Amino acid sequence: MKSFPNGFIENETIYRNAWGEHPARIIGIVKNVDFSIAYFESNFEKFKSQVDMLIERIDQTENRGSFLNKAKHLKATLPELKGLGDFQALDHKISDLIELILKTIKGNRTKNTEIKGQLIRQIKAATDLLHWGEATTQILSIQKKWFHTGPAKASKEARLNEEFKNILNSFFDQKKFFYDDKNNLIAFYERKYEALIQEAKKLESLSEDQKLPKLESLKIAWKENGVIKKIKYDQLKKEFDRVNKPIKVDFNLDQVLQLIQKLKTKKEISKSEMIKYRQQLTSFDKNGFNHPKLKLLLTEGNEWLDLSEELLFIEGLCQKKTFKIS
């Protein structure tokens, strides 16, 4: 038997020394002593370098808990390693690393428990805000912080998660109910605006005197109706204004009024004047000016001309009879 540090050779078989609770173990067949020893020592050093790299990574990060499974895997596979080296020392090194990670996890969980408690208080305060937009912004920010916060203490983790989830779901359920109700109200206001437009259309056949008071009532109802989306409101308002556009008094109406007044005050009228006035009234009628009083004025004017024509005719007859008698 040939002994050397961390192992021995017997019957051309190389053994790793016993360590801890692990007995000596065959790790290979010897063909060349120096080569075999160097090969298995190299295997051990490669494994040891993995441990050293893990320690270095853990030292450089705050999230040490994410390396726990890796450290446990190294400790579990170390006894199966076919290598030559100080297994006992490396095993202690891995155990210390695992203990450090567990200690860090415990401290982080205590810290995370406090953080999650604070986040729950913050989200409760945010749900009390009156402005849904501001509340939503704050709650989404708090939710992001919650997702980036690690586990709390095992005895409190489930309860904290459940409480946070319930608050979050309750807020968004209430928000949905609010906006559903708001949308229903907006739809109601839209239908009311449309109904007012239909009522306004019914006034088109009325005279100006009949139309004005009813139109004023519709305008008041329009102003008192609720708020809807601007684009929709502008469309409906444009239609409402078009339907209720006041009838513009054409400048020719003034001419008709002046002509009728002239006829009423004229004591005498010649046949040529009568023809001229009749033509003027006819021209107003043919132009079809849109005013409810126009037809009345034209009728009145023609009646005055008819009366004047009749008087002129009677006057002419009288003159003829007088001429014959004399």
C-alpha atoms as a PDB file:
ATOM      1  CA  MET A   1       0.000   0.000   0.000  1.00  0.00           C
ATOM      2  CA  LYS A   2       1.298   3.455  -0.935  1.00  0.00           C
ATOM      3  CA  SER A   3       0.056   6.378   1.158  1.00  0.00           C
ATOM      4  CA  PHE A   4       0.095  10.067   0.221  1.00  0.00           C
ATOM      5  CA  PRO A   5      -1.739  13.213   1.412  1.00  0.00           C
ATOM      6  CA  ASN A   6      -5.552  12.739   1.268  1.00  0.00           C
ATOM      7  CA  GLY A   7      -5.435   9.163  -0.103  1.00  0.00           C
ATOM      8  CA  PHE A   8      -3.629   5.893  -0.735  1.00  0.00           C
ATOM      9  CA  ILE A   9      -3.065   3.214  -3.396  1.00  0.00           C
ATOM     10  CA  GLU A  10      -3.676  -0.474  -2.810  1.00  0.00           C
ATOM     11  CA  ASN A  11      -3.728  -3.272  -5.417  1.00  0.00           C
ATOM     12  CA  GLU A  12      -3.458  -0.693  -8.203  1.00  0.00           C
ATOM     13  CA  THR A  13      -6.621   0.997  -6.898  1.00  0.00           C
ATOM     14  CA  ILE A  14      -6.584   4.581  -5.664  1.00  0.00           C
ATOM     15  CA  TYR A  15      -8.598   5.520  -2.597  1.00  0.00           C
ATOM     16  CA  ARG A  16      -9.697   8.821  -1.109  1.00  0.00           C
ATOM     17  CA  ASN A  17      -9.141   9.076   2.671  1.00  0.00           C
ATOM     18  CA  ALA A  18     -12.100   8.823   5.056  1.00  0.00           C
ATOM     19  CA  TRP A  19     -13.456  12.143   6.379  1.00  0.00           C
ATOM     20  CA  GLY A  20     -16.229  12.967   8.776  1.00  0.00           C
ATOM     21  CA  GLU A  21     -18.848  10.246   8.577  1.00  0.00           C
ATOM     22  CA  HIS A  22     -17.706   9.190   5.118  1.00  0.00           C
ATOM     23  CA  PRO A  23     -15.425   6.094   4.871  1.00  0.00           C
ATOM     24  CA  ALA A  24     -12.480   5.742   2.515  1.00  0.00           C
ATOM     25  CA  ARG A  25     -13.724   5.472  -1.065  1.00  0.00           C
ATOM     26  CA  ILE A  26     -12.390   4.031  -4.312  1.00  0.00           C
ATOM     27  CA  ILE A  27     -12.048   6.780  -6.881  1.00  0.00           C
ATOM     28  CA  GLY A  28     -10.150   5.066  -9.721  1.00  0.00           C
ATOM     29  CA  ILE A  29      -7.660   2.527 -11.109  1.00  0.00           C
ATOM     30  CA  VAL A  30      -3.965   3.426 -11.146  1.00  0.00           C
ATOM     31  CA  LYS A  31      -1.988   3.085 -14.347  1.00  0.00           C
ATOM     32  CA  ASN A  32       0.477   5.822 -13.637  1.00  0.00           C
ATOM     33  CA  VAL A  33       0.788   6.866 -10.003  1.00  0.00           C
ATOM     34  CA  ASP A  34       1.898  10.452 -10.533  1.00  0.00           C
ATOM     35  CA  PHE A  35      -0.633  11.061 -13.318  1.00  0.00           C
ATOM     36  CA  SER A  36      -3.520   9.549 -11.316  1.00  0.00           C
ATOM     37  CA  ILE A  37      -2.760  11.593  -8.215  1.00  0.00           C
ATOM     38  CA  ALA A  38      -2.456  14.810 -10.249  1.00  0.00           C
ATOM     39  CA  TYR A  39      -5.709  14.061 -12.095  1.00  0.00           C
ATOM     40  CA  PHE A  40      -7.805  13.500  -8.962  1.00  0.00           C
ATOM     41  CA  GLU A  41      -6.241  16.471  -7.180  1.00  0.00           C
ATOM     42  CA  SER A  42      -7.242  18.566 -10.211  1.00  0.00           C
ATOM     43  CA  ASN A  43     -10.844  17.319  -9.919  1.00  0.00           C
ATOM     44  CA  PHE A  44     -10.934  18.418  -6.305  1.00  0.00           C
ATOM     45  CA  GLU A  45      -9.513  21.854  -7.135  1.00  0.00           C
ATOM     46  CA  LYS A  46     -12.145  22.373  -9.853  1.00  0.00           C
ATOM     47  CA  PHE A  47     -14.895  21.608  -7.363  1.00  0.00           C
ATOM     48  CA  LYS A  48     -13.273  23.859  -4.757  1.00  0.00           C
ATOM     49  CA  SER A  49     -13.143  26.687  -7.308  1.00  0.00           C
ATOM     50  CA  GLN A  50     -16.938  26.403  -7.738  1.00  0.00           C
ATOM     51  CA  VAL A  51     -17.317  26.906  -3.997  1.00  0.00           C
ATOM     52  CA  ASP A  52     -14.966  29.902  -4.027  1.00  0.00           C
ATOM     53  CA  MET A  53     -16.857  31.465  -6.978  1.00  0.00           C
ATOM     54  CA  LEU A  54     -20.154  31.034  -5.133  1.00  0.00           C
ATOM     55  CA  ILE A  55     -18.717  32.716  -2.037  1.00  0.00           C
ATOM     56  CA  GLU A  56     -17.514  35.623  -4.171  1.00  0.00           C
ATOM     57  CA  ARG A  57     -20.916  36.058  -5.835  1.00  0.00           C
ATOM     58  CA  ILE A  58     -22.670  35.960  -2.459  1.00  0.00           C
ATOM     59  CA  ASP A  59     -20.348  38.648  -1.117  1.00  0.00           C
ATOM     60  CA  GLN A  60     -21.301  40.892  -4.063  1.00  0.00           C
ATOM     61  CA  THR A  61     -25.077  40.694  -3.727  1.00  0.00           C
ATOM     62  CA  GLU A  62     -27.765  41.410  -1.157  1.00  0.00           C
ATOM     63  CA  ASN A  63     -30.056  38.661  -2.418  1.00  0.00           C
ATOM     64  CA  ARG A  64     -28.100  35.834  -0.834  1.00  0.00           C
ATOM     65  CA  GLY A  65     -31.139  33.643  -0.429  1.00  0.00           C
ATOM     66  CA  SER A  66     -31.169  32.910  -4.169  1.00  0.00           C
ATOM     67  CA  PHE A  67     -27.890  30.947  -3.757  1.00  0.00           C
ATOM     68  CA  LEU A  68     -29.086  28.636  -0.981  1.00  0.00           C
ATOM     69  CA  ASN A  69     -30.046  25.754  -3.280  1.00  0.00           C
ATOM     70  CA  LYS A  70     -26.739  25.990  -5.111  1.00  0.00           C
ATOM     71  CA  ALA A  71     -24.789  25.788  -1.828  1.00  0.00           C
ATOM     72  CA  LYS A  72     -26.877  22.827  -0.650  1.00  0.00           C
ATOM     73  CA  HIS A  73     -26.273  21.062  -3.958  1.00  0.00           C
ATOM     74  CA  LEU A  74     -22.503  21.483  -3.585  1.00  0.00           C
ATOM     75  CA  LYS A  75     -22.601  20.087  -0.052  1.00  0.00           C
ATOM     76  CA  ALA A  76     -24.709  17.105  -1.187  1.00  0.00           C
ATOM     77  CA  THR A  77     -22.482  16.239  -4.170  1.00  0.00           C
ATOM     78  CA  LEU A  78     -19.145  16.708  -2.364  1.00  0.00           C
ATOM     79  CA  PRO A  79     -19.080  13.159  -0.884  1.00  0.00           C
ATOM     80  CA  GLU A  80     -19.551  11.714  -4.385  1.00  0.00           C
ATOM     81  CA  LEU A  81     -16.658  13.671  -5.850  1.00  0.00           C
ATOM     82  CA  LYS A  82     -13.855  11.570  -7.307  1.00  0.00           C
ATOM     83  CA  GLY A  83     -10.984  13.708  -6.190  1.00  0.00           C
ATOM     84  CA  LEU A  84      -8.120  14.105  -3.771  1.00  0.00           C
ATOM     85  CA  GLY A  85      -8.027  16.986  -1.304  1.00  0.00           C
ATOM     86  CA  ASP A  86      -9.069  18.194   2.119  1.00  0.00           C
ATOM     87  CA  PHE A  87     -12.719  17.161   1.916  1.00  0.00           C
ATOM     88  CA  GLN A  88     -13.303  17.915   5.606  1.00  0.00           C
ATOM     89  CA  ALA A  89     -12.134  21.521   5.310  1.00  0.00           C
ATOM     90  CA  LEU A  90     -14.125  22.095   2.117  1.00  0.00           C
ATOM     91  CA  ASP A  91     -17.230  20.591   3.705  1.00  0.00           C
ATOM     92  CA  HIS A  92     -16.895  22.969   6.673  1.00  0.00           C
ATOM     93  CA  LYS A  93     -16.462  25.855   4.243  1.00  0.00           C
ATOM     94  CA  ILE A  94     -19.684  24.972   2.423  1.00  0.00           C
ATOM     95  CA  SER A  95     -21.528  24.484   5.746  1.00  0.00           C
ATOM     96  CA  ASP A  96     -20.400  27.923   6.915  1.00  0.00           C
ATOM     97  CA  LEU A  97     -21.598  29.379   3.629  1.00  0.00           C
ATOM     98  CA  ILE A  98     -25.017  27.757   4.019  1.00  0.00           C
ATOM     99  CA  GLU A  99     -25.258  29.056   7.587  1.00  0.00           C
ATOM    100  CA  LEU A 100     -24.389  32.559   6.382  1.00  0.00           C
ATOM    101  CA  ILE A 101     -27.086  32.385   3.713  1.00  0.00           C
ATOM    102  CA  LEU A 102     -29.685  31.101   6.185  1.00  0.00           C
ATOM    103  CA  LYS A 103     -28.767  33.837   8.657  1.00  0.00           C
ATOM    104  CA  THR A 104     -29.107  36.441   5.904  1.00  0.00           C
ATOM    105  CA  ILE A 105     -32.447  34.976   4.832  1.00  0.00           C
ATOM    106  CA  LYS A 106     -33.705  35.137   8.415  1.00  0.00           C
ATOM    107  CA  GLY A 107     -32.639  38.760   8.719  1.00  0.00           C
ATOM    108  CA  ASN A 108     -34.154  39.610   5.340  1.00  0.00           C
ATOM    109  CA  ARG A 109     -37.412  37.928   6.233  1.00  0.00           C
ATOM    110  CA  THR A 110     -37.635  39.989   9.410  1.00  0.00           C
ATOM    111  CA  LYS A 111     -36.948  43.106   7.360  1.00  0.00           C
ATOM    112  CA  ASN A 112     -39.389  42.032   4.626  1.00  0.00           C
ATOM    113  CA  THR A 113     -42.086  41.453   7.244  1.00  0.00           C
ATOM    114  CA  GLU A 114     -41.717  45.068   8.354  1.00  0.00           C
ATOM    115  CA  ILE A 115     -41.663  46.333   4.754  1.00  0.00           C
ATOM    116  CA  LYS A 116     -44.783  44.396   3.804  1.00  0.00           C
ATOM    117  CA  GLY A 117     -46.561  45.704   6.869  1.00  0.00           C
ATOM    118  CA  GLN A 118     -45.707  49.254   5.786  1.00  0.00           C
ATOM    119  CA  LEU A 119     -46.845  48.568   2.208  1.00  0.00           C
ATOM    120  CA  ILE A 120     -50.200  47.287   3.468  1.00  0.00           C
ATOM    121  CA  ARG A 121     -50.677  50.473   5.478  1.00  0.00           C
ATOM    122  CA  GLN A 122     -49.734  52.531   2.413  1.00  0.00           C
ATOM    123  CA  ILE A 123     -52.132  50.718   0.095  1.00  0.00           C
ATOM    124  CA  LYS A 124     -54.955  51.132   2.612  1.00  0.00           C
ATOM    125  CA  ALA A 125     -54.299  54.884   2.664  1.00  0.00           C
ATOM    126  CA  ALA A 126     -54.195  54.993  -1.144  1.00  0.00           C
ATOM    127  CA  THR A 127     -57.608  53.332  -1.432  1.00  0.00           C
ATOM    128  CA  ASP A 128     -59.095  56.203   0.591  1.00  0.00           C
ATOM    129  CA  LEU A 129     -58.068  58.824  -1.997  1.00  0.00           C
ATOM    130  CA  LEU A 130     -61.037  60.450  -3.715  1.00  0.00           C
ATOM    131  CA  HIS A 131     -59.407  60.748  -7.152  1.00  0.00           C
ATOM    132  CA  TRP A 132     -59.393  57.353  -8.865  1.00  0.00           C
ATOM    133  CA  GLY A 133     -56.483  58.236 -11.155  1.00  0.00           C
ATOM    134  CA  GLU A 134     -54.214  59.353  -8.313  1.00  0.00           C
ATOM    135  CA  ALA A 135     -55.206  56.346  -6.209  1.00  0.00           C
ATOM    136  CA  THR A 136     -54.506  53.935  -9.081  1.00  0.00           C
ATOM    137  CA  THR A 137     -51.053  55.438  -9.713  1.00  0.00           C
ATOM    138  CA  GLN A 138     -50.084  55.066  -6.051  1.00  0.00           C
ATOM    139  CA  ILE A 139     -51.489  51.542  -5.767  1.00  0.00           C
ATOM    140  CA  LEU A 140     -49.666  50.301  -8.874  1.00  0.00           C
ATOM    141  CA  SER A 141     -46.430  51.765  -7.485  1.00  0.00           C
ATOM    142  CA  ILE A 142     -47.013  50.007  -4.137  1.00  0.00           C
ATOM    143  CA  GLN A 143     -47.848  46.765  -5.946  1.00  0.00           C
ATOM    144  CA  LYS A 144     -44.527  46.958  -7.811  1.00  0.00           C
ATOM    145  CA  LYS A 145     -42.647  47.396  -4.524  1.00  0.00           C
ATOM    146  CA  TRP A 146     -44.535  44.416  -3.075  1.00  0.00           C
ATOM    147  CA  PHE A 147     -43.488  42.173  -5.973  1.00  0.00           C
ATOM    148  CA  HIS A 148     -39.850  43.187  -5.484  1.00  0.00           C
ATOM    149  CA  THR A 149     -39.966  42.491  -1.739  1.00  0.00           C
ATOM    150  CA  GLY A 150     -38.796  39.034  -0.725  1.00  0.00           C
ATOM    151  CA  PRO A 151     -40.678  36.606   1.539  1.00  0.00           C
ATOM    152  CA  ALA A 152     -41.622  37.647   5.054  1.00  0.00           C
ATOM    153  CA  LYS A 153     -41.333  35.413   8.098  1.00  0.00           C
ATOM    154  CA  ALA A 154     -42.793  31.989   7.345  1.00  0.00           C
ATOM    155  CA  SER A 155     -45.408  32.382  10.099  1.00  0.00           C
ATOM    156  CA  LYS A 156     -46.671  35.666   8.587  1.00  0.00           C
ATOM    157  CA  GLU A 157     -46.024  35.376   4.830  1.00  0.00           C
ATOM    158  CA  ALA A 158     -49.341  33.752   3.858  1.00  0.00           C
ATOM    159  CA  ARG A 159     -51.425  36.127   5.981  1.00  0.00           C
ATOM    160  CA  LEU A 160     -49.673  39.240   4.645  1.00  0.00           C
ATOM    161  CA  ASN A 161     -50.031  38.094   1.034  1.00  0.00           C
ATOM    162  CA  GLU A 162     -53.709  37.336   1.529  1.00  0.00           C
ATOM    163  CA  GLU A 163     -54.387  40.718   3.137  1.00  0.00           C
ATOM    164  CA  PHE A 164     -52.557  42.609   0.399  1.00  0.00           C
ATOM    165  CA  LYS A 165     -54.335  40.635  -2.330  1.00  0.00           C
ATOM    166  CA  ASN A 166     -57.764  41.296  -0.783  1.00  0.00           C
ATOM    167  CA  ILE A 167     -57.138  45.048  -0.539  1.00  0.00           C
ATOM    168  CA  LEU A 168     -55.897  45.152  -4.123  1.00  0.00           C
ATOM    169  CA  ASN A 169     -58.837  43.164  -5.516  1.00  0.00           C
ATOM    170  CA  SER A 170     -61.360  45.192  -3.515  1.00  0.00           C
ATOM    171  CA  PHE A 171     -59.962  48.467  -4.888  1.00  0.00           C
ATOM    172  CA  PHE A 172     -60.080  47.390  -8.532  1.00  0.00           C
ATOM    173  CA  ASP A 173     -63.555  45.854  -8.067  1.00  0.00           C
ATOM    174  CA  GLN A 174     -64.814  49.172  -6.665  1.00  0.00           C
ATOM    175  CA  LYS A 175     -63.075  51.086  -9.449  1.00  0.00           C
ATOM    176  CA  LYS A 176     -64.726  48.886 -12.086  1.00  0.00           C
ATOM    177  CA  PHE A 177     -68.127  49.341 -10.455  1.00  0.00           C
ATOM    178  CA  PHE A 178     -67.603  53.127 -10.359  1.00  0.00           C
ATOM    179  CA  TYR A 179     -66.668  53.389 -14.034  1.00  0.00           C
ATOM    180  CA  ASP A 180     -69.416  50.984 -15.099  1.00  0.00           C
ATOM    181  CA  ASP A 181     -71.894  53.171 -13.236  1.00  0.00           C
ATOM    182  CA  LYS A 182     -70.319  56.303 -14.706  1.00  0.00           C
ATOM    183  CA  ASN A 183     -70.526  54.903 -18.237  1.00  0.00           C
ATOM    184  CA  ASN A 184     -74.176  53.994 -17.694  1.00  0.00           C
ATOM    185  CA  LEU A 185     -74.843  57.549 -16.493  1.00  0.00           C
ATOM    186  CA  ILE A 186     -73.023  59.007 -19.502  1.00  0.00           C
ATOM    187  CA  ALA A 187     -75.127  56.809 -21.790  1.00  0.00           C
ATOM    188  CA  PHE A 188     -78.258  58.107 -20.012  1.00  0.00           C
ATOM    189  CA  TYR A 189     -77.166  61.731 -20.553  1.00  0.00           C
ATOM    190  CA  GLU A 190     -76.422  61.017 -24.219  1.00  0.00           C
ATOM    191  CA  ARG A 191     -79.908  59.593 -24.708  1.00  0.00           C
ATOM    192  CA  LYS A 192     -81.380  62.691 -23.026  1.00  0.00           C
ATOM    193  CA  TYR A 193     -79.430  65.002 -25.361  1.00  0.00           C
ATOM    194  CA  GLU A 194     -80.696  62.994 -28.347  1.00  0.00           C
ATOM    195  CA  ALA A 195     -84.272  63.220 -27.026  1.00  0.00           C
ATOM    196  CA  LEU A 196     -83.954  67.020 -26.723  1.00  0.00           C
ATOM    197  CA  ILE A 197     -82.815  67.172 -30.342  1.00  0.00           C
ATOM    198  CA  GLN A 198     -85.878  65.195 -31.413  1.00  0.00           C
ATOM    199  CA  GLU A 199     -88.107  67.538 -29.392  1.00  0.00           C
ATOM    200  CA  ALA A 200     -86.458  70.507 -31.074  1.00  0.00           C
ATOM    201  CA  LYS A 201     -87.133  69.053 -34.522  1.00  0.00           C
ATOM    202  CA  LYS A 202     -90.852  68.934 -33.700  1.00  0.00           C
ATOM    203  CA  LEU A 203     -90.803  72.725 -33.284  1.00  0.00           C
ATOM    204  CA  GLU A 204     -89.755  73.375 -36.869  1.00  0.00           C
ATOM    205  CA  SER A 205     -93.352  73.459 -38.096  1.00  0.00           C
ATOM    206  CA  LEU A 206     -94.456  76.010 -35.493  1.00  0.00           C
ATOM    207  CA  SER A 207     -94.597  79.758 -35.951  1.00  0.00           C
ATOM    208  CA  GLU A 208     -91.907  81.889 -34.412  1.00  0.00           C
ATOM    209  CA  ASP A 209     -94.176  83.031 -31.573  1.00  0.00           C
ATOM    210  CA  GLN A 210     -95.110  79.447 -30.706  1.00  0.00           C
ATOM    211  CA  LYS A 211     -91.600  78.156 -31.134  1.00  0.00           C
ATOM    212  CA  LEU A 212     -89.580  80.618 -29.042  1.00  0.00           C
ATOM    213  CA  PRO A 213     -90.857  79.786 -25.513  1.00  0.00           C
ATOM    214  CA  LYS A 214     -90.632  76.045 -26.140  1.00  0.00           C
ATOM    215  CA  LEU A 215     -87.172  76.452 -27.588  1.00  0.00           C
ATOM    216  CA  GLU A 216     -86.027  78.384 -24.518  1.00  0.00           C
ATOM    217  CA  SER A 217     -87.316  75.558 -22.324  1.00  0.00           C
ATOM    218  CA  LEU A 218     -85.328  73.016 -24.374  1.00  0.00           C
ATOM    219  CA  LYS A 219     -82.191  75.154 -24.114  1.00  0.00           C
ATOM    220  CA  ILE A 220     -82.500  75.240 -20.314  1.00  0.00           C
ATOM    221  CA  ALA A 221     -82.969  71.461 -20.204  1.00  0.00           C
ATOM    222  CA  TRP A 222     -79.899  71.099 -22.438  1.00  0.00           C
ATOM    223  CA  LYS A 223     -77.745  73.176 -20.071  1.00  0.00           C
ATOM    224  CA  GLU A 224     -78.978  71.257 -17.025  1.00  0.00           C
ATOM    225  CA  ASN A 225     -78.195  67.831 -18.527  1.00  0.00           C
ATOM    226  CA  GLY A 226     -75.120  65.904 -17.331  1.00  0.00           C
ATOM    227  CA  VAL A 227     -71.560  65.770 -18.644  1.00  0.00           C
ATOM    228  CA  ILE A 228     -70.583  63.376 -21.444  1.00  0.00           C
ATOM    229  CA  LYS A 229     -67.416  62.892 -23.507  1.00  0.00           C
ATOM    230  CA  LYS A 230     -66.416  66.064 -25.326  1.00  0.00           C
ATOM    231  CA  ILE A 231     -66.299  64.573 -28.824  1.00  0.00           C
ATOM    232  CA  LYS A 232     -69.823  63.164 -28.493  1.00  0.00           C
ATOM    233  CA  TYR A 233     -71.103  66.354 -26.860  1.00  0.00           C
ATOM    234  CA  ASP A 234     -69.720  68.536 -29.678  1.00  0.00           C
ATOM    235  CA  GLN A 235     -71.467  66.331 -32.259  1.00  0.00           C
ATOM    236  CA  LEU A 236     -74.827  66.516 -30.458  1.00  0.00           C
ATOM    237  CA  LYS A 237     -74.509  70.252 -29.737  1.00  0.00           C
ATOM    238  CA  LYS A 238     -73.803  70.941 -33.397  1.00  0.00           C
ATOM    239  CA  GLU A 239     -76.969  69.074 -34.377  1.00  0.00           C
ATOM    240  CA  PHE A 240     -79.024  70.795 -31.655  1.00  0.00           C
ATOM    241  CA  ASP A 241     -77.818  74.238 -32.771  1.00  0.00           C
ATOM    242  CA  ARG A 242     -78.584  73.394 -36.390  1.00  0.00           C
ATOM    243  CA  VAL A 243     -82.150  72.337 -35.586  1.00  0.00           C
ATOM    244  CA  ASN A 244     -82.757  75.397 -33.405  1.00  0.00           C
ATOM    245  CA  LYS A 245     -81.004  77.886 -35.586  1.00  0.00           C
ATOM    246  CA  PRO A 246     -83.161  81.014 -35.380  1.00  0.00           C
ATOM    247  CA  ILE A 247     -84.797  82.166 -38.589  1.00  0.00           C
ATOM    248  CA  LYS A 248     -82.891  85.141 -39.873  1.00  0.00           C
ATOM    249  CA  VAL A 249     -84.994  88.092 -40.917  1.00  0.00           C
ATOM    250  CA  ASP A 250     -84.146  88.743 -44.525  1.00  0.00           C
ATOM    251  CA  PHE A 251     -83.475  92.367 -45.351  1.00  0.00           C
ATOM    252  CA  ASN A 252     -86.281  92.131 -47.950  1.00  0.00           C
ATOM    253  CA  LEU A 253     -88.795  91.727 -45.143  1.00  0.00           C
ATOM    254  CA  ASP A 254     -88.073  95.314 -44.154  1.00  0.00           C
ATOM    255  CA  GLN A 255     -88.773  96.333 -47.710  1.00  0.00           C
ATOM    256  CA  VAL A 256     -92.135  94.546 -47.578  1.00  0.00           C
ATOM    257  CA  LEU A 257     -92.960  96.263 -44.263  1.00  0.00           C
ATOM    258  CA  GLN A 258     -92.058  99.647 -45.734  1.00  0.00           C
ATOM    259  CA  LEU A 259     -94.136  98.976 -48.836  1.00  0.00           C
ATOM    260  CA  ILE A 260     -97.204  97.897 -46.835  1.00  0.00           C
ATOM    261  CA  GLN A 261     -96.863 100.962 -44.601  1.00  0.00           C
ATOM    262  CA  LYS A 262     -96.631 103.141 -47.678  1.00  0.00           C
ATOM    263  CA  LEU A 263     -99.791 101.601 -49.092  1.00  0.00           C
ATOM    264  CA  LYS A 264    -101.683 102.110 -45.828  1.00  0.00           C
ATOM    265  CA  THR A 265    -100.782 105.807 -45.629  1.00  0.00           C
ATOM    266  CA  LYS A 266    -101.330 106.582 -49.330  1.00  0.00           C
ATOM    267  CA  LYS A 267    -104.666 108.292 -49.823  1.00  0.00           C
ATOM    268  CA  GLU A 268    -104.544 108.208 -53.590  1.00  0.00           C
ATOM    269  CA  ILE A 269    -102.876 105.743 -55.896  1.00  0.00           C
ATOM    270  CA  SER A 270    -102.619 105.761 -59.648  1.00  0.00           C
ATOM    271  CA  LYS A 271    -103.060 102.754 -61.878  1.00  0.00           C
ATOM    272  CA  SER A 272     -99.369 102.771 -62.843  1.00  0.00           C
ATOM    273  CA  GLU A 273     -98.353 102.889 -59.171  1.00  0.00           C
ATOM    274  CA  MET A 274    -100.690 100.021 -58.428  1.00  0.00           C
ATOM    275  CA  ILE A 275     -99.075  97.913 -61.150  1.00  0.00           C
ATOM    276  CA  LYS A 276     -95.623  98.735 -59.782  1.00  0.00           C
ATOM    277  CA  TYR A 277     -96.586  97.811 -56.204  1.00  0.00           C
ATOM    278  CA  ARG A 278     -98.235  94.588 -57.381  1.00  0.00           C
ATOM    279  CA  GLN A 279     -95.045  93.607 -59.209  1.00  0.00           C
ATOM    280  CA  GLN A 280     -92.947  94.293 -56.136  1.00  0.00           C
ATOM    281  CA  LEU A 281     -95.145  92.125 -53.929  1.00  0.00           C
ATOM    282  CA  THR A 282     -95.077  89.363 -56.523  1.00  0.00           C
ATOM    283  CA  SER A 283     -91.262  89.487 -56.662  1.00  0.00           C
ATOM    284  CA  PHE A 284     -91.053  89.079 -52.868  1.00  0.00           C
ATOM    285  CA  ASP A 285     -93.346  86.077 -53.036  1.00  0.00           C
ATOM    286  CA  LYS A 286     -91.407  84.448 -55.894  1.00  0.00           C
ATOM    287  CA  ASN A 287     -88.099  84.764 -54.030  1.00  0.00           C
ATOM    288  CA  GLY A 288     -89.567  82.600 -51.279  1.00  0.00           C
ATOM    289  CA  PHE A 289     -87.953  84.401 -48.344  1.00  0.00           C
ATOM    290  CA  ASN A 290     -88.140  82.201 -45.243  1.00  0.00           C
ATOM    291  CA  HIS A 291     -90.021  84.139 -42.617  1.00  0.00           C
ATOM    292  CA  PRO A 292     -93.400  83.254 -41.055  1.00  0.00           C
ATOM    293  CA  LYS A 293     -94.614  86.879 -41.241  1.00  0.00           C
ATOM    294  CA  LEU A 294     -93.817  87.258 -44.924  1.00  0.00           C
ATOM    295  CA  LYS A 295     -96.926  85.459 -46.212  1.00  0.00           C
ATOM    296  CA  LEU A 296     -99.131  87.469 -43.886  1.00  0.00           C
ATOM    297  CA  LEU A 297     -97.590  90.738 -45.066  1.00  0.00           C
ATOM    298  CA  LEU A 298     -97.878  89.790 -48.723  1.00  0.00           C
ATOM    299  CA  THR A 299    -101.541  88.866 -48.238  1.00  0.00           C
ATOM    300  CA  GLU A 300    -102.163  92.136 -46.439  1.00  0.00           C
ATOM    301  CA  GLY A 301    -100.403  94.103 -49.176  1.00  0.00           C
ATOM    302  CA  ASN A 302    -102.355  92.438 -51.971  1.00  0.00           C
ATOM    303  CA  GLU A 303    -105.624  93.053 -50.096  1.00  0.00           C
ATOM    304  CA  TRP A 304    -104.753  96.765 -49.889  1.00  0.00           C
ATOM    305  CA  LEU A 305    -103.994  96.808 -53.608  1.00  0.00           C
ATOM    306  CA  ASP A 306    -107.226  94.970 -54.395  1.00  0.00           C
ATOM    307  CA  LEU A 307    -109.175  97.505 -52.337  1.00  0.00           C
ATOM    308  CA  SER A 308    -107.324 100.427 -53.928  1.00  0.00           C
ATOM    309  CA  GLU A 309    -107.949  98.964 -57.383  1.00  0.00           C
ATOM    310  CA  GLU A 310    -111.646  98.582 -56.582  1.00  0.00           C
ATOM    311  CA  LEU A 311    -111.849 102.167 -55.308  1.00  0.00           C
ATOM    312  CA  LEU A 312    -110.015 103.385 -58.393  1.00  0.00           C
ATOM    313  CA  PHE A 313    -112.462 101.518 -60.592  1.00  0.00           C
ATOM    314  CA  ILE A 314    -115.485 102.973 -58.771  1.00  0.00           C
ATOM    315  CA  GLU A 315    -113.943 106.421 -58.952  1.00  0.00           C
ATOM    316  CA  GLY A 316    -113.521 105.989 -62.675  1.00  0.00           C
ATOM    317  CA  LEU A 317    -117.148 104.998 -63.133  1.00  0.00           C
ATOM    318  CA  CYS A 318    -118.234 108.008 -61.156  1.00  0.00           C
ATOM    319  CA  GLN A 319    -116.162 110.280 -63.309  1.00  0.00           C
ATOM    320  CA  LYS A 320    -117.658 108.798 -66.497  1.00  0.00           C
ATOM    321  CA  LYS A 321    -121.235 109.304 -65.264  1.00  0.00           C
ATOM    322  CA  THR A 322    -120.459 112.868 -64.243  1.00  0.00           C
ATOM    323  CA  PHE A 323    -119.039 113.566 -67.673  1.00  0.00           C
ATOM    324  CA  LYS A 324    -122.180 112.241 -69.433  1.00  0.00           C
ATOM    325  CA  ILE A 325    -124.584 114.241 -67.234  1.00  0.00           C
ATOM    326  CA  SER A 326    -122.765 117.448 -67.790  1.00  0.00           C
END
